[in-house]
Amino acid sequence: EFVQEEHIAACWECVRVAVEVCGEVRGALATAHTENVQVHEGYSQLMSKHLAMVTNYRNLESQRGTLDARVAVLAARLHQKEAEMDELRAQISALLAEERDGSKQH
């Protein structure tokens, strides 16, 4: 009978330890799950920021293309105006030269 009681007590101790270990494992799993959820949320936030940055970059590239085209148009206009000014200077120089030559002849 004493052996049976000892055996039963040992069994109950095993059950108690098993329950305690299961509780610790359950707690560790809960903590790991919480951490996993936090990591997933952080990853989602990073991906959202990354996508926003990619979109901004593409928009900036598009704007740069538009600005490059506008600069090219303005540069062409500037060269045209410079050529017109050079032509006007030449005409003015020619008129001044004619005026000088005409005043020398009189």
N, C-alpha and C. Protein backbone atom coordinates (compact mmCIF):
# COMPACT_ATOMS: atom_id res chain seq x y z
N GLU A 1 0.82 -1.19 0.00
CA GLU A 1 0.00 0.00 0.00
C GLU A 1 0.87 1.26 0.00
N PHE A 2 1.95 1.26 0.78
CA PHE A 2 2.87 2.41 0.84
C PHE A 2 3.49 2.66 -0.54
N VAL A 3 3.82 1.59 -1.23
CA VAL A 3 4.42 1.72 -2.56
C VAL A 3 3.42 2.34 -3.52
N GLN A 4 2.15 1.95 -3.37
CA GLN A 4 1.13 2.52 -4.24
C GLN A 4 0.98 4.01 -3.98
N GLU A 5 0.94 4.41 -2.73
CA GLU A 5 0.81 5.84 -2.40
C GLU A 5 2.01 6.62 -2.93
N GLU A 6 3.19 6.05 -2.78
CA GLU A 6 4.39 6.69 -3.28
C GLU A 6 4.34 6.82 -4.81
N HIS A 7 3.87 5.75 -5.43
CA HIS A 7 3.75 5.74 -6.89
C HIS A 7 2.72 6.79 -7.35
N ILE A 8 1.59 6.87 -6.63
CA ILE A 8 0.55 7.85 -6.97
C ILE A 8 1.09 9.26 -6.74
N ALA A 9 1.81 9.48 -5.67
CA ALA A 9 2.38 10.81 -5.39
C ALA A 9 3.36 11.20 -6.48
N ALA A 10 4.17 10.24 -6.91
CA ALA A 10 5.14 10.52 -7.98
C ALA A 10 4.39 10.85 -9.27
N CYS A 11 3.31 10.15 -9.55
CA CYS A 11 2.51 10.42 -10.76
C CYS A 11 1.93 11.83 -10.70
N TRP A 12 1.38 12.20 -9.52
CA TRP A 12 0.82 13.54 -9.38
C TRP A 12 1.90 14.61 -9.53
N GLU A 13 3.09 14.33 -9.04
CA GLU A 13 4.20 15.28 -9.21
C GLU A 13 4.54 15.43 -10.69
N CYS A 14 4.52 14.30 -11.41
CA CYS A 14 4.78 14.37 -12.86
C CYS A 14 3.71 15.20 -13.57
N VAL A 15 2.47 15.00 -13.18
CA VAL A 15 1.37 15.76 -13.78
C VAL A 15 1.53 17.24 -13.45
N ARG A 16 1.84 17.56 -12.19
CA ARG A 16 2.03 18.95 -11.79
C ARG A 16 3.15 19.60 -12.61
N VAL A 17 4.29 18.92 -12.75
CA VAL A 17 5.42 19.44 -13.52
C VAL A 17 5.02 19.60 -14.99
N ALA A 18 4.29 18.61 -15.52
CA ALA A 18 3.87 18.68 -16.92
C ALA A 18 2.95 19.88 -17.13
N VAL A 19 2.03 20.12 -16.21
CA VAL A 19 1.12 21.28 -16.31
C VAL A 19 1.91 22.58 -16.23
N GLU A 20 2.88 22.62 -15.33
CA GLU A 20 3.70 23.81 -15.18
C GLU A 20 4.50 24.07 -16.46
N VAL A 21 5.09 23.02 -17.00
CA VAL A 21 5.88 23.16 -18.24
C VAL A 21 4.96 23.58 -19.39
N CYS A 22 3.78 22.98 -19.48
CA CYS A 22 2.84 23.37 -20.53
C CYS A 22 2.46 24.84 -20.40
N GLY A 23 2.27 25.31 -19.17
CA GLY A 23 1.95 26.72 -18.95
C GLY A 23 3.09 27.60 -19.42
N GLU A 24 4.32 27.21 -19.12
CA GLU A 24 5.49 27.99 -19.56
C GLU A 24 5.58 28.00 -21.09
N VAL A 25 5.34 26.82 -21.68
CA VAL A 25 5.39 26.72 -23.15
C VAL A 25 4.29 27.58 -23.76
N ARG A 26 3.10 27.52 -23.19
CA ARG A 26 1.98 28.32 -23.68
C ARG A 26 2.33 29.81 -23.59
N GLY A 27 2.92 30.22 -22.46
CA GLY A 27 3.33 31.62 -22.31
C GLY A 27 4.39 32.02 -23.33
N ALA A 28 5.36 31.13 -23.53
CA ALA A 28 6.41 31.41 -24.52
C ALA A 28 5.82 31.51 -25.92
N LEU A 29 4.87 30.63 -26.24
CA LEU A 29 4.23 30.67 -27.55
C LEU A 29 3.43 31.96 -27.72
N ALA A 30 2.74 32.38 -26.67
CA ALA A 30 1.97 33.62 -26.73
C ALA A 30 2.90 34.82 -26.96
N THR A 31 4.02 34.83 -26.24
CA THR A 31 5.00 35.91 -26.41
C THR A 31 5.56 35.90 -27.83
N ALA A 32 5.90 34.71 -28.32
CA ALA A 32 6.44 34.60 -29.67
C ALA A 32 5.41 35.05 -30.70
N HIS A 33 4.15 34.70 -30.47
CA HIS A 33 3.09 35.12 -31.40
C HIS A 33 2.96 36.64 -31.40
N THR A 34 2.97 37.23 -30.21
CA THR A 34 2.88 38.70 -30.11
C THR A 34 4.05 39.36 -30.84
N GLU A 35 5.25 38.84 -30.61
CA GLU A 35 6.43 39.39 -31.28
C GLU A 35 6.32 39.21 -32.79
N ASN A 36 5.81 38.06 -33.22
CA ASN A 36 5.66 37.80 -34.65
C ASN A 36 4.68 38.79 -35.27
N VAL A 37 3.58 39.07 -34.58
CA VAL A 37 2.60 40.04 -35.06
C VAL A 37 3.24 41.42 -35.16
N GLN A 38 4.03 41.80 -34.16
CA GLN A 38 4.70 43.11 -34.18
C GLN A 38 5.68 43.20 -35.34
N VAL A 39 6.43 42.13 -35.56
CA VAL A 39 7.40 42.12 -36.67
C VAL A 39 6.64 42.24 -38.00
N HIS A 40 5.54 41.51 -38.12
CA HIS A 40 4.75 41.57 -39.35
C HIS A 40 4.20 42.97 -39.57
N GLU A 41 3.70 43.61 -38.52
CA GLU A 41 3.19 44.98 -38.64
C GLU A 41 4.31 45.94 -39.03
N GLY A 42 5.49 45.77 -38.40
CA GLY A 42 6.63 46.61 -38.76
C GLY A 42 7.03 46.41 -40.21
N TYR A 43 7.02 45.17 -40.66
CA TYR A 43 7.36 44.87 -42.05
C TYR A 43 6.34 45.51 -42.99
N SER A 44 5.06 45.41 -42.64
CA SER A 44 4.01 46.02 -43.46
C SER A 44 4.20 47.53 -43.55
N GLN A 45 4.54 48.16 -42.43
CA GLN A 45 4.78 49.61 -42.44
C GLN A 45 5.98 49.96 -43.32
N LEU A 46 7.04 49.16 -43.21
CA LEU A 46 8.22 49.41 -44.04
C LEU A 46 7.89 49.25 -45.52
N MET A 47 7.11 48.23 -45.85
CA MET A 47 6.75 48.02 -47.25
C MET A 47 5.89 49.18 -47.76
N SER A 48 4.98 49.67 -46.92
CA SER A 48 4.16 50.82 -47.31
C SER A 48 5.05 52.03 -47.58
N LYS A 49 6.00 52.28 -46.68
CA LYS A 49 6.93 53.40 -46.87
C LYS A 49 7.75 53.21 -48.12
N HIS A 50 8.20 51.97 -48.35
CA HIS A 50 9.01 51.67 -49.53
C HIS A 50 8.20 51.95 -50.81
N LEU A 51 6.95 51.49 -50.84
CA LEU A 51 6.11 51.72 -52.01
C LEU A 51 5.86 53.21 -52.22
N ALA A 52 5.67 53.94 -51.13
CA ALA A 52 5.48 55.39 -51.24
C ALA A 52 6.74 56.05 -51.81
N MET A 53 7.90 55.60 -51.35
CA MET A 53 9.16 56.16 -51.85
C MET A 53 9.34 55.84 -53.34
N VAL A 54 9.00 54.61 -53.74
CA VAL A 54 9.11 54.24 -55.15
C VAL A 54 8.18 55.11 -56.00
N THR A 55 6.96 55.31 -55.51
CA THR A 55 6.01 56.15 -56.23
C THR A 55 6.53 57.58 -56.34
N ASN A 56 7.05 58.11 -55.23
CA ASN A 56 7.62 59.47 -55.25
C ASN A 56 8.78 59.57 -56.23
N TYR A 57 9.64 58.54 -56.23
CA TYR A 57 10.79 58.53 -57.13
C TYR A 57 10.32 58.55 -58.59
N ARG A 58 9.31 57.72 -58.90
CA ARG A 58 8.79 57.69 -60.27
C ARG A 58 8.17 59.02 -60.65
N ASN A 59 7.45 59.64 -59.71
CA ASN A 59 6.87 60.95 -59.99
C ASN A 59 7.96 61.99 -60.25
N LEU A 60 9.02 61.94 -59.43
CA LEU A 60 10.13 62.88 -59.62
C LEU A 60 10.82 62.65 -60.96
N GLU A 61 10.99 61.39 -61.34
CA GLU A 61 11.61 61.08 -62.63
C GLU A 61 10.74 61.63 -63.77
N SER A 62 9.45 61.47 -63.63
CA SER A 62 8.52 61.99 -64.64
C SER A 62 8.61 63.51 -64.72
N GLN A 63 8.61 64.15 -63.55
CA GLN A 63 8.73 65.62 -63.51
C GLN A 63 10.06 66.06 -64.11
N ARG A 64 11.12 65.29 -63.83
CA ARG A 64 12.42 65.65 -64.39
C ARG A 64 12.38 65.59 -65.91
N GLY A 65 11.73 64.55 -66.43
CA GLY A 65 11.59 64.44 -67.89
C GLY A 65 10.85 65.63 -68.46
N THR A 66 9.77 66.03 -67.79
CA THR A 66 8.99 67.19 -68.24
C THR A 66 9.84 68.46 -68.17
N LEU A 67 10.58 68.62 -67.07
CA LEU A 67 11.43 69.81 -66.93
C LEU A 67 12.55 69.81 -67.96
N ASP A 68 13.14 68.64 -68.23
CA ASP A 68 14.19 68.57 -69.25
C ASP A 68 13.64 69.01 -70.61
N ALA A 69 12.42 68.58 -70.92
CA ALA A 69 11.81 68.96 -72.20
C ALA A 69 11.57 70.47 -72.24
N ARG A 70 11.08 71.02 -71.12
CA ARG A 70 10.82 72.47 -71.07
C ARG A 70 12.13 73.25 -71.20
N VAL A 71 13.18 72.77 -70.54
CA VAL A 71 14.49 73.44 -70.64
C VAL A 71 14.99 73.39 -72.08
N ALA A 72 14.79 72.27 -72.74
CA ALA A 72 15.24 72.16 -74.14
C ALA A 72 14.48 73.16 -75.02
N VAL A 73 13.17 73.29 -74.81
CA VAL A 73 12.38 74.25 -75.58
C VAL A 73 12.87 75.67 -75.30
N LEU A 74 13.08 75.98 -74.02
CA LEU A 74 13.56 77.33 -73.66
C LEU A 74 14.95 77.61 -74.22
N ALA A 75 15.80 76.60 -74.21
CA ALA A 75 17.15 76.78 -74.76
C ALA A 75 17.07 77.04 -76.26
N ALA A 76 16.19 76.34 -76.94
CA ALA A 76 16.03 76.56 -78.38
C ALA A 76 15.52 77.98 -78.64
N ARG A 77 14.56 78.43 -77.84
CA ARG A 77 14.04 79.80 -77.98
C ARG A 77 15.15 80.83 -77.72
N LEU A 78 15.95 80.56 -76.69
CA LEU A 78 17.05 81.47 -76.35
C LEU A 78 18.02 81.57 -77.53
N HIS A 79 18.39 80.43 -78.10
CA HIS A 79 19.32 80.46 -79.24
C HIS A 79 18.70 81.21 -80.42
N GLN A 80 17.39 81.04 -80.63
CA GLN A 80 16.71 81.76 -81.70
C GLN A 80 16.76 83.26 -81.45
N LYS A 81 16.47 83.66 -80.21
CA LYS A 81 16.49 85.09 -79.87
C LYS A 81 17.90 85.65 -79.98
N GLU A 82 18.91 84.86 -79.58
CA GLU A 82 20.29 85.32 -79.71
C GLU A 82 20.65 85.53 -81.18
N ALA A 83 20.18 84.61 -82.03
CA ALA A 83 20.45 84.75 -83.48
C ALA A 83 19.75 85.99 -84.02
N GLU A 84 18.52 86.24 -83.56
CA GLU A 84 17.80 87.44 -83.99
C GLU A 84 18.52 88.70 -83.53
N MET A 85 19.04 88.67 -82.29
CA MET A 85 19.78 89.84 -81.78
C MET A 85 21.06 90.04 -82.58
N ASP A 86 21.74 88.95 -82.90
CA ASP A 86 22.96 89.08 -83.72
C ASP A 86 22.64 89.69 -85.08
N GLU A 87 21.50 89.27 -85.65
CA GLU A 87 21.09 89.83 -86.95
C GLU A 87 20.76 91.31 -86.81
N LEU A 88 20.06 91.69 -85.73
CA LEU A 88 19.74 93.11 -85.50
C LEU A 88 21.02 93.92 -85.28
N ARG A 89 21.97 93.37 -84.54
CA ARG A 89 23.25 94.09 -84.34
C ARG A 89 23.96 94.32 -85.68
N ALA A 90 23.92 93.28 -86.50
CA ALA A 90 24.57 93.42 -87.81
C ALA A 90 23.86 94.49 -88.64
N GLN A 91 22.54 94.52 -88.60
CA GLN A 91 21.79 95.54 -89.34
C GLN A 91 22.09 96.94 -88.81
N ILE A 92 22.15 97.05 -87.46
CA ILE A 92 22.46 98.35 -86.85
C ILE A 92 23.86 98.79 -87.24
N SER A 93 24.79 97.84 -87.19
CA SER A 93 26.17 98.18 -87.58
C SER A 93 26.22 98.63 -89.04
N ALA A 94 25.46 97.93 -89.88
CA ALA A 94 25.44 98.31 -91.30
C ALA A 94 24.82 99.69 -91.48
N LEU A 95 23.74 99.97 -90.77
CA LEU A 95 23.11 101.30 -90.86
C LEU A 95 24.05 102.38 -90.36
N LEU A 96 24.73 102.10 -89.24
CA LEU A 96 25.69 103.08 -88.71
C LEU A 96 26.83 103.31 -89.69
N ALA A 97 27.26 102.24 -90.30
CA ALA A 97 28.35 102.37 -91.28
C ALA A 97 27.87 103.18 -92.49
N GLU A 98 26.65 102.94 -92.96
CA GLU A 98 26.10 103.71 -94.08
C GLU A 98 25.97 105.18 -93.70
N GLU A 99 25.52 105.42 -92.46
CA GLU A 99 25.36 106.80 -92.00
C GLU A 99 26.72 107.49 -91.94
N ARG A 100 27.74 106.76 -91.45
CA ARG A 100 29.10 107.35 -91.39
C ARG A 100 29.62 107.63 -92.81
N ASP A 101 29.43 106.66 -93.66
CA ASP A 101 29.91 106.85 -95.04
C ASP A 101 29.18 107.99 -95.70
N GLY A 102 27.85 108.10 -95.43
CA GLY A 102 27.05 109.18 -96.02
C GLY A 102 27.47 110.51 -95.48
N SER A 103 27.80 110.61 -94.20
CA SER A 103 28.19 111.89 -93.63
C SER A 103 29.60 112.25 -94.07
N LYS A 104 30.43 111.28 -94.41
CA LYS A 104 31.78 111.58 -94.90
C LYS A 104 31.72 112.14 -96.31
N GLN A 105 30.74 111.66 -97.08
CA GLN A 105 30.62 112.09 -98.47
C GLN A 105 30.09 113.51 -98.58
N HIS A 106 29.33 113.96 -97.64
CA HIS A 106 28.75 115.32 -97.68
C HIS A 106 29.74 116.26 -97.18
